[in-house]
Each structure stands twice: as C-alpha cells, then as structure tokens.
Amino acid sequence: MYASYIYKPNDPNISILDKIYLHGRDFCGDNLDGGSAAHINLDSHLSKEQYIKLLTYAGEVGCKYLTFNVPNAECQECGFITKTPITKCPHCGSTKIDYYDRVIGYLTKIKNWSAGRQQEQKTRIYSHID
C-alpha cells in the first residue's frame, strides 16, 4: 500500500465525509500540505449541487486539499472517450477499452502503471452517491 494517506484508503467503512473530516483542522489538516489530499473516489460524476455541498463541507471542517476522482474510459477502436467506466463502447460496440485513473495527481492509463500501482488500483473504493 502506498502511504500518502492518513487512513486506510481501501476501507469501505470510511465515508467520503469521514475522509474530508480527517483532512480537516480538527484532526490533522493544519499539518498537511498538497502532498496529502483527501482522495474522493467516485463511481460517477456528481451534480453541480452535490459538488457544492461537498466543497462547502470541506471548507467548514478546514479540509484544504482534496481531489475528486472518477475513472475514465477510452475505446481502443474508435477513440471514444467517456468520463465514466464502461465495458463496451456505445459508439462502435468494441469491448477493447482502456481505463484511466488518477495516480500521484495525474490522470493516466491504468495499464501503463507499475504492477504495484495497478494492484492498488484494483482495491480502491469508488463511492456511489444518489
């Protein structure tokens, strides 16, 4: 496991709000810099209102550094790109899909990551918010 977290990142019992709180002023937020952010992994993008609520909460608890992460996909056949994970291209029907995710702050192809990072990515928890 990579150690840039102040909590176990693949623990399904730690909520998005917990992650933001733990990076806030009442826990350790005042001692962190941009190298340690609350990584908010989502299975899909939120509405504008939902993002505003989360960012407002982050401000209220003093979370200075956070990032939203939603996996992206690209069809290897036709080049279609979507901001959500897919298994089949809606444009050409291909199942040859490349996936992108954030690693060390950058959105890159998962298949280009080191073996250790690829293994870690498989354990990530992507929260669903209604």
N, C-alpha and C. Protein backbone atom coordinates (compact mmCIF):
# COMPACT_ATOMS: atom_id res chain seq x y z
N MET A 1 0.84 -1.17 0.00
CA MET A 1 0.00 0.00 0.00
C MET A 1 0.89 1.24 0.00
N TYR A 2 0.46 2.23 -0.72
CA TYR A 2 1.20 3.48 -0.77
C TYR A 2 0.77 4.34 0.41
N ALA A 3 1.71 5.03 1.00
CA ALA A 3 1.49 5.65 2.30
C ALA A 3 1.26 7.15 2.26
N SER A 4 0.58 7.66 1.27
CA SER A 4 0.28 9.09 1.27
C SER A 4 -1.09 9.35 1.87
N TYR A 5 -1.64 8.40 2.59
CA TYR A 5 -2.96 8.53 3.20
C TYR A 5 -2.84 8.57 4.71
N ILE A 6 -3.81 9.20 5.36
CA ILE A 6 -3.86 9.19 6.82
C ILE A 6 -4.91 8.20 7.30
N TYR A 7 -5.48 7.44 6.38
CA TYR A 7 -6.45 6.40 6.68
C TYR A 7 -6.21 5.27 5.67
N LYS A 8 -6.77 4.11 5.94
CA LYS A 8 -6.64 3.01 5.00
C LYS A 8 -7.53 3.31 3.79
N PRO A 9 -6.94 3.59 2.63
CA PRO A 9 -7.72 4.09 1.50
C PRO A 9 -8.71 3.09 0.93
N ASN A 10 -8.50 1.80 1.15
CA ASN A 10 -9.42 0.81 0.58
C ASN A 10 -10.40 0.26 1.62
N ASP A 11 -10.61 1.00 2.70
CA ASP A 11 -11.55 0.59 3.73
C ASP A 11 -12.95 1.09 3.37
N PRO A 12 -13.89 0.18 3.09
CA PRO A 12 -15.24 0.61 2.68
C PRO A 12 -16.04 1.26 3.80
N ASN A 13 -15.54 1.20 5.02
CA ASN A 13 -16.25 1.80 6.15
C ASN A 13 -15.91 3.27 6.37
N ILE A 14 -14.95 3.80 5.62
CA ILE A 14 -14.60 5.22 5.74
C ILE A 14 -15.35 5.97 4.65
N SER A 15 -16.27 6.82 5.07
CA SER A 15 -17.12 7.52 4.11
C SER A 15 -16.39 8.72 3.49
N ILE A 16 -16.98 9.26 2.47
CA ILE A 16 -16.45 10.48 1.85
C ILE A 16 -16.37 11.60 2.88
N LEU A 17 -17.41 11.75 3.68
CA LEU A 17 -17.40 12.81 4.70
C LEU A 17 -16.32 12.56 5.74
N ASP A 18 -16.10 11.28 6.11
CA ASP A 18 -15.02 10.95 7.05
C ASP A 18 -13.67 11.38 6.47
N LYS A 19 -13.43 11.07 5.21
CA LYS A 19 -12.15 11.41 4.58
C LYS A 19 -11.92 12.91 4.59
N ILE A 20 -12.96 13.66 4.29
CA ILE A 20 -12.83 15.13 4.30
C ILE A 20 -12.59 15.61 5.72
N TYR A 21 -13.33 15.09 6.69
CA TYR A 21 -13.16 15.49 8.09
C TYR A 21 -11.74 15.18 8.57
N LEU A 22 -11.24 13.98 8.26
CA LEU A 22 -9.90 13.60 8.72
C LEU A 22 -8.81 14.51 8.16
N HIS A 23 -9.07 15.12 7.02
CA HIS A 23 -8.13 16.08 6.45
C HIS A 23 -8.43 17.51 6.90
N GLY A 24 -9.34 17.66 7.84
CA GLY A 24 -9.73 18.98 8.34
C GLY A 24 -8.94 19.42 9.55
N ARG A 25 -9.23 20.62 9.98
CA ARG A 25 -8.47 21.25 11.07
C ARG A 25 -8.58 20.51 12.40
N ASP A 26 -9.70 19.82 12.67
CA ASP A 26 -9.88 19.16 13.96
C ASP A 26 -9.11 17.85 14.08
N PHE A 27 -8.60 17.36 12.97
CA PHE A 27 -7.83 16.10 13.03
C PHE A 27 -6.38 16.38 12.69
N CYS A 28 -6.06 16.58 11.44
CA CYS A 28 -4.65 16.85 11.11
C CYS A 28 -4.47 17.80 9.93
N GLY A 29 -5.56 18.36 9.45
CA GLY A 29 -5.49 19.20 8.25
C GLY A 29 -4.52 20.36 8.33
N ASP A 30 -4.35 20.93 9.50
CA ASP A 30 -3.43 22.06 9.62
C ASP A 30 -1.97 21.64 9.49
N ASN A 31 -1.70 20.33 9.54
CA ASN A 31 -0.33 19.84 9.44
C ASN A 31 -0.03 19.23 8.07
N LEU A 32 -0.98 19.30 7.14
CA LEU A 32 -0.80 18.69 5.83
C LEU A 32 -0.48 19.74 4.78
N ASP A 33 0.16 19.27 3.71
CA ASP A 33 0.35 20.13 2.56
C ASP A 33 -0.32 19.45 1.37
N GLY A 34 -0.13 19.96 0.18
CA GLY A 34 -0.77 19.41 -1.00
C GLY A 34 -0.38 17.98 -1.33
N GLY A 35 0.67 17.45 -0.70
CA GLY A 35 1.10 16.08 -0.95
C GLY A 35 0.19 15.04 -0.31
N SER A 36 -0.67 15.47 0.58
CA SER A 36 -1.61 14.55 1.22
C SER A 36 -3.00 15.16 1.12
N ALA A 37 -3.78 14.66 0.19
CA ALA A 37 -5.12 15.19 -0.04
C ALA A 37 -6.16 14.14 0.29
N ALA A 38 -7.35 14.60 0.59
CA ALA A 38 -8.49 13.69 0.74
C ALA A 38 -8.88 13.23 -0.66
N HIS A 39 -8.63 11.97 -0.96
CA HIS A 39 -8.95 11.42 -2.27
C HIS A 39 -10.39 10.94 -2.26
N ILE A 40 -11.23 11.62 -2.98
CA ILE A 40 -12.65 11.29 -3.03
C ILE A 40 -12.90 10.53 -4.33
N ASN A 41 -12.86 9.19 -4.22
CA ASN A 41 -13.08 8.33 -5.38
C ASN A 41 -14.57 8.10 -5.56
N LEU A 42 -15.07 8.43 -6.74
CA LEU A 42 -16.49 8.31 -7.05
C LEU A 42 -16.69 7.39 -8.25
N ASP A 43 -17.81 6.67 -8.27
CA ASP A 43 -18.07 5.80 -9.42
C ASP A 43 -18.66 6.55 -10.59
N SER A 44 -19.10 7.79 -10.37
CA SER A 44 -19.62 8.64 -11.45
C SER A 44 -19.59 10.08 -10.96
N HIS A 45 -19.69 10.99 -11.90
CA HIS A 45 -19.66 12.40 -11.53
C HIS A 45 -20.93 12.80 -10.80
N LEU A 46 -20.81 13.76 -9.94
CA LEU A 46 -21.92 14.28 -9.16
C LEU A 46 -22.58 15.44 -9.89
N SER A 47 -23.72 15.84 -9.37
CA SER A 47 -24.36 17.05 -9.90
C SER A 47 -23.60 18.27 -9.36
N LYS A 48 -23.82 19.40 -9.97
CA LYS A 48 -23.20 20.65 -9.52
C LYS A 48 -23.56 20.90 -8.05
N GLU A 49 -24.80 20.67 -7.70
CA GLU A 49 -25.26 20.90 -6.33
C GLU A 49 -24.56 19.97 -5.34
N GLN A 50 -24.35 18.71 -5.73
CA GLN A 50 -23.66 17.77 -4.84
C GLN A 50 -22.21 18.18 -4.63
N TYR A 51 -21.54 18.59 -5.71
CA TYR A 51 -20.15 19.07 -5.56
C TYR A 51 -20.11 20.29 -4.66
N ILE A 52 -21.04 21.20 -4.83
CA ILE A 52 -21.07 22.41 -3.99
C ILE A 52 -21.24 22.02 -2.52
N LYS A 53 -22.12 21.06 -2.23
CA LYS A 53 -22.32 20.64 -0.84
C LYS A 53 -21.05 20.04 -0.25
N LEU A 54 -20.37 19.19 -1.02
CA LEU A 54 -19.13 18.59 -0.51
C LEU A 54 -18.04 19.63 -0.32
N LEU A 55 -17.91 20.55 -1.26
CA LEU A 55 -16.88 21.59 -1.13
C LEU A 55 -17.20 22.53 0.03
N THR A 56 -18.48 22.82 0.24
CA THR A 56 -18.88 23.65 1.37
C THR A 56 -18.53 22.95 2.68
N TYR A 57 -18.82 21.66 2.77
CA TYR A 57 -18.47 20.89 3.96
C TYR A 57 -16.96 20.89 4.18
N ALA A 58 -16.20 20.70 3.11
CA ALA A 58 -14.73 20.72 3.22
C ALA A 58 -14.26 22.05 3.80
N GLY A 59 -14.84 23.13 3.33
CA GLY A 59 -14.47 24.44 3.86
C GLY A 59 -14.84 24.59 5.33
N GLU A 60 -16.01 24.08 5.69
CA GLU A 60 -16.47 24.18 7.08
C GLU A 60 -15.57 23.43 8.04
N VAL A 61 -15.06 22.26 7.64
CA VAL A 61 -14.21 21.47 8.54
C VAL A 61 -12.72 21.78 8.36
N GLY A 62 -12.39 22.66 7.43
CA GLY A 62 -10.99 23.06 7.26
C GLY A 62 -10.15 22.10 6.43
N CYS A 63 -10.77 21.36 5.53
CA CYS A 63 -10.03 20.48 4.63
C CYS A 63 -9.47 21.32 3.48
N LYS A 64 -8.15 21.47 3.46
CA LYS A 64 -7.51 22.37 2.49
C LYS A 64 -7.20 21.69 1.17
N TYR A 65 -7.00 20.39 1.19
CA TYR A 65 -6.59 19.67 -0.01
C TYR A 65 -7.48 18.45 -0.23
N LEU A 66 -8.17 18.44 -1.35
CA LEU A 66 -8.96 17.28 -1.72
C LEU A 66 -9.01 17.17 -3.24
N THR A 67 -9.31 15.99 -3.69
CA THR A 67 -9.40 15.75 -5.12
C THR A 67 -10.54 14.78 -5.38
N PHE A 68 -11.28 15.05 -6.44
CA PHE A 68 -12.34 14.14 -6.87
C PHE A 68 -11.79 13.27 -7.99
N ASN A 69 -12.05 12.00 -7.92
CA ASN A 69 -11.51 11.05 -8.87
C ASN A 69 -12.63 10.14 -9.38
N VAL A 70 -12.90 10.24 -10.68
CA VAL A 70 -13.86 9.35 -11.34
C VAL A 70 -13.11 8.70 -12.50
N PRO A 71 -13.05 7.36 -12.53
CA PRO A 71 -12.35 6.70 -13.63
C PRO A 71 -12.94 7.06 -14.99
N ASN A 72 -12.09 7.17 -15.99
CA ASN A 72 -12.48 7.47 -17.36
C ASN A 72 -12.17 6.27 -18.24
N ALA A 73 -12.76 6.24 -19.42
CA ALA A 73 -12.53 5.14 -20.34
C ALA A 73 -12.37 5.67 -21.77
N GLU A 74 -11.59 4.91 -22.57
CA GLU A 74 -11.37 5.26 -23.97
C GLU A 74 -11.45 3.99 -24.81
N CYS A 75 -12.21 4.05 -25.89
CA CYS A 75 -12.31 2.92 -26.79
C CYS A 75 -11.04 2.84 -27.64
N GLN A 76 -10.42 1.68 -27.66
CA GLN A 76 -9.20 1.48 -28.45
C GLN A 76 -9.50 1.46 -29.96
N GLU A 77 -10.72 1.17 -30.32
CA GLU A 77 -11.08 1.05 -31.74
C GLU A 77 -11.41 2.40 -32.38
N CYS A 78 -12.34 3.15 -31.77
CA CYS A 78 -12.80 4.40 -32.41
C CYS A 78 -12.33 5.66 -31.70
N GLY A 79 -11.71 5.52 -30.51
CA GLY A 79 -11.19 6.67 -29.79
C GLY A 79 -12.22 7.39 -28.93
N PHE A 80 -13.44 6.87 -28.83
CA PHE A 80 -14.47 7.49 -27.99
C PHE A 80 -13.98 7.55 -26.55
N ILE A 81 -14.16 8.72 -25.91
CA ILE A 81 -13.74 8.93 -24.53
C ILE A 81 -14.96 9.27 -23.70
N THR A 82 -15.04 8.67 -22.52
CA THR A 82 -16.14 8.97 -21.60
C THR A 82 -15.60 9.16 -20.20
N LYS A 83 -16.28 9.98 -19.42
CA LYS A 83 -15.86 10.26 -18.05
C LYS A 83 -16.52 9.31 -17.06
N THR A 84 -16.70 8.09 -17.49
CA THR A 84 -17.26 7.05 -16.64
C THR A 84 -16.73 5.70 -17.13
N PRO A 85 -16.53 4.75 -16.24
CA PRO A 85 -16.04 3.45 -16.70
C PRO A 85 -17.11 2.72 -17.53
N ILE A 86 -16.70 2.13 -18.63
CA ILE A 86 -17.60 1.34 -19.48
C ILE A 86 -16.91 0.03 -19.84
N THR A 87 -17.68 -0.96 -20.24
CA THR A 87 -17.10 -2.22 -20.70
C THR A 87 -17.30 -2.41 -22.20
N LYS A 88 -18.21 -1.60 -22.77
CA LYS A 88 -18.50 -1.69 -24.21
C LYS A 88 -18.71 -0.29 -24.74
N CYS A 89 -18.07 0.02 -25.87
CA CYS A 89 -18.17 1.36 -26.46
C CYS A 89 -19.58 1.60 -27.00
N PRO A 90 -20.22 2.68 -26.58
CA PRO A 90 -21.57 2.98 -27.07
C PRO A 90 -21.58 3.46 -28.53
N HIS A 91 -20.42 3.80 -29.07
CA HIS A 91 -20.35 4.29 -30.46
C HIS A 91 -20.11 3.18 -31.46
N CYS A 92 -19.15 2.27 -31.17
CA CYS A 92 -18.81 1.25 -32.16
C CYS A 92 -19.03 -0.17 -31.66
N GLY A 93 -19.34 -0.34 -30.37
CA GLY A 93 -19.61 -1.67 -29.83
C GLY A 93 -18.38 -2.45 -29.39
N SER A 94 -17.20 -1.89 -29.55
CA SER A 94 -15.97 -2.59 -29.17
C SER A 94 -15.90 -2.80 -27.66
N THR A 95 -15.29 -3.91 -27.29
CA THR A 95 -15.03 -4.17 -25.87
C THR A 95 -13.55 -3.96 -25.54
N LYS A 96 -12.80 -3.42 -26.48
CA LYS A 96 -11.39 -3.09 -26.25
C LYS A 96 -11.34 -1.69 -25.66
N ILE A 97 -11.30 -1.64 -24.34
CA ILE A 97 -11.41 -0.37 -23.62
C ILE A 97 -10.17 -0.16 -22.76
N ASP A 98 -9.63 1.05 -22.79
CA ASP A 98 -8.57 1.46 -21.88
C ASP A 98 -9.20 2.28 -20.77
N TYR A 99 -8.71 2.09 -19.56
CA TYR A 99 -9.23 2.83 -18.42
C TYR A 99 -8.17 3.80 -17.90
N TYR A 100 -8.63 4.95 -17.45
CA TYR A 100 -7.77 5.99 -16.89
C TYR A 100 -8.20 6.23 -15.46
N ASP A 101 -7.23 6.54 -14.62
CA ASP A 101 -7.50 6.87 -13.24
C ASP A 101 -6.38 7.79 -12.77
N ARG A 102 -6.58 8.39 -11.63
CA ARG A 102 -5.56 9.29 -11.08
C ARG A 102 -4.52 8.50 -10.30
N VAL A 103 -3.28 8.84 -10.52
CA VAL A 103 -2.19 8.31 -9.72
C VAL A 103 -1.19 9.45 -9.54
N ILE A 104 -0.84 9.71 -8.30
CA ILE A 104 0.07 10.80 -7.95
C ILE A 104 -0.39 12.11 -8.62
N GLY A 105 -1.69 12.33 -8.60
CA GLY A 105 -2.24 13.60 -9.09
C GLY A 105 -2.50 13.69 -10.58
N TYR A 106 -2.19 12.66 -11.33
CA TYR A 106 -2.34 12.73 -12.78
C TYR A 106 -3.28 11.66 -13.29
N LEU A 107 -4.11 12.02 -14.27
CA LEU A 107 -4.99 11.06 -14.92
C LEU A 107 -4.21 10.38 -16.03
N THR A 108 -3.98 9.07 -15.88
CA THR A 108 -3.19 8.31 -16.84
C THR A 108 -3.81 6.93 -17.06
N LYS A 109 -3.38 6.26 -18.14
CA LYS A 109 -3.87 4.91 -18.42
C LYS A 109 -3.40 3.95 -17.34
N ILE A 110 -4.33 3.20 -16.80
CA ILE A 110 -4.00 2.25 -15.74
C ILE A 110 -3.02 1.20 -16.24
N LYS A 111 -3.17 0.75 -17.49
CA LYS A 111 -2.29 -0.31 -17.99
C LYS A 111 -0.83 0.15 -18.08
N ASN A 112 -0.58 1.46 -18.01
CA ASN A 112 0.79 1.98 -18.04
C ASN A 112 1.40 2.13 -16.65
N TRP A 113 0.63 1.87 -15.61
CA TRP A 113 1.12 1.99 -14.25
C TRP A 113 2.03 0.82 -13.91
N SER A 114 2.82 0.99 -12.87
CA SER A 114 3.65 -0.11 -12.37
C SER A 114 2.72 -1.22 -11.85
N ALA A 115 3.26 -2.42 -11.75
CA ALA A 115 2.47 -3.56 -11.28
C ALA A 115 1.88 -3.30 -9.89
N GLY A 116 2.66 -2.69 -9.01
CA GLY A 116 2.18 -2.39 -7.67
C GLY A 116 1.03 -1.41 -7.66
N ARG A 117 1.14 -0.38 -8.47
CA ARG A 117 0.07 0.61 -8.57
C ARG A 117 -1.19 0.01 -9.19
N GLN A 118 -1.02 -0.86 -10.19
CA GLN A 118 -2.19 -1.50 -10.79
C GLN A 118 -2.91 -2.37 -9.76
N GLN A 119 -2.16 -3.05 -8.93
CA GLN A 119 -2.76 -3.88 -7.88
C GLN A 119 -3.49 -3.00 -6.88
N GLU A 120 -2.87 -1.89 -6.49
CA GLU A 120 -3.50 -0.97 -5.55
C GLU A 120 -4.79 -0.40 -6.13
N GLN A 121 -4.81 -0.09 -7.41
CA GLN A 121 -5.99 0.49 -8.05
C GLN A 121 -7.18 -0.47 -7.97
N LYS A 122 -6.91 -1.75 -8.07
CA LYS A 122 -7.99 -2.75 -8.00
C LYS A 122 -8.66 -2.78 -6.64
N THR A 123 -7.99 -2.27 -5.60
CA THR A 123 -8.57 -2.28 -4.26
C THR A 123 -9.26 -0.97 -3.91
N ARG A 124 -9.22 0.00 -4.79
CA ARG A 124 -9.83 1.30 -4.49
C ARG A 124 -11.34 1.18 -4.36
N ILE A 125 -11.88 1.96 -3.45
CA ILE A 125 -13.31 2.02 -3.22
C ILE A 125 -13.83 3.25 -3.95
N TYR A 126 -14.79 3.06 -4.85
CA TYR A 126 -15.40 4.15 -5.59
C TYR A 126 -16.82 4.31 -5.07
N SER A 127 -17.05 5.38 -4.36
CA SER A 127 -18.35 5.60 -3.71
C SER A 127 -19.41 6.01 -4.72
N HIS A 128 -20.63 5.60 -4.42
CA HIS A 128 -21.79 5.98 -5.21
C HIS A 128 -22.65 6.90 -4.37
N ILE A 129 -23.00 8.05 -4.91
CA ILE A 129 -23.85 8.99 -4.19
C ILE A 129 -25.11 9.21 -5.00
N ASP A 130 -26.24 9.03 -4.34
CA ASP A 130 -27.54 9.28 -5.01
C ASP A 130 -27.91 10.73 -4.92
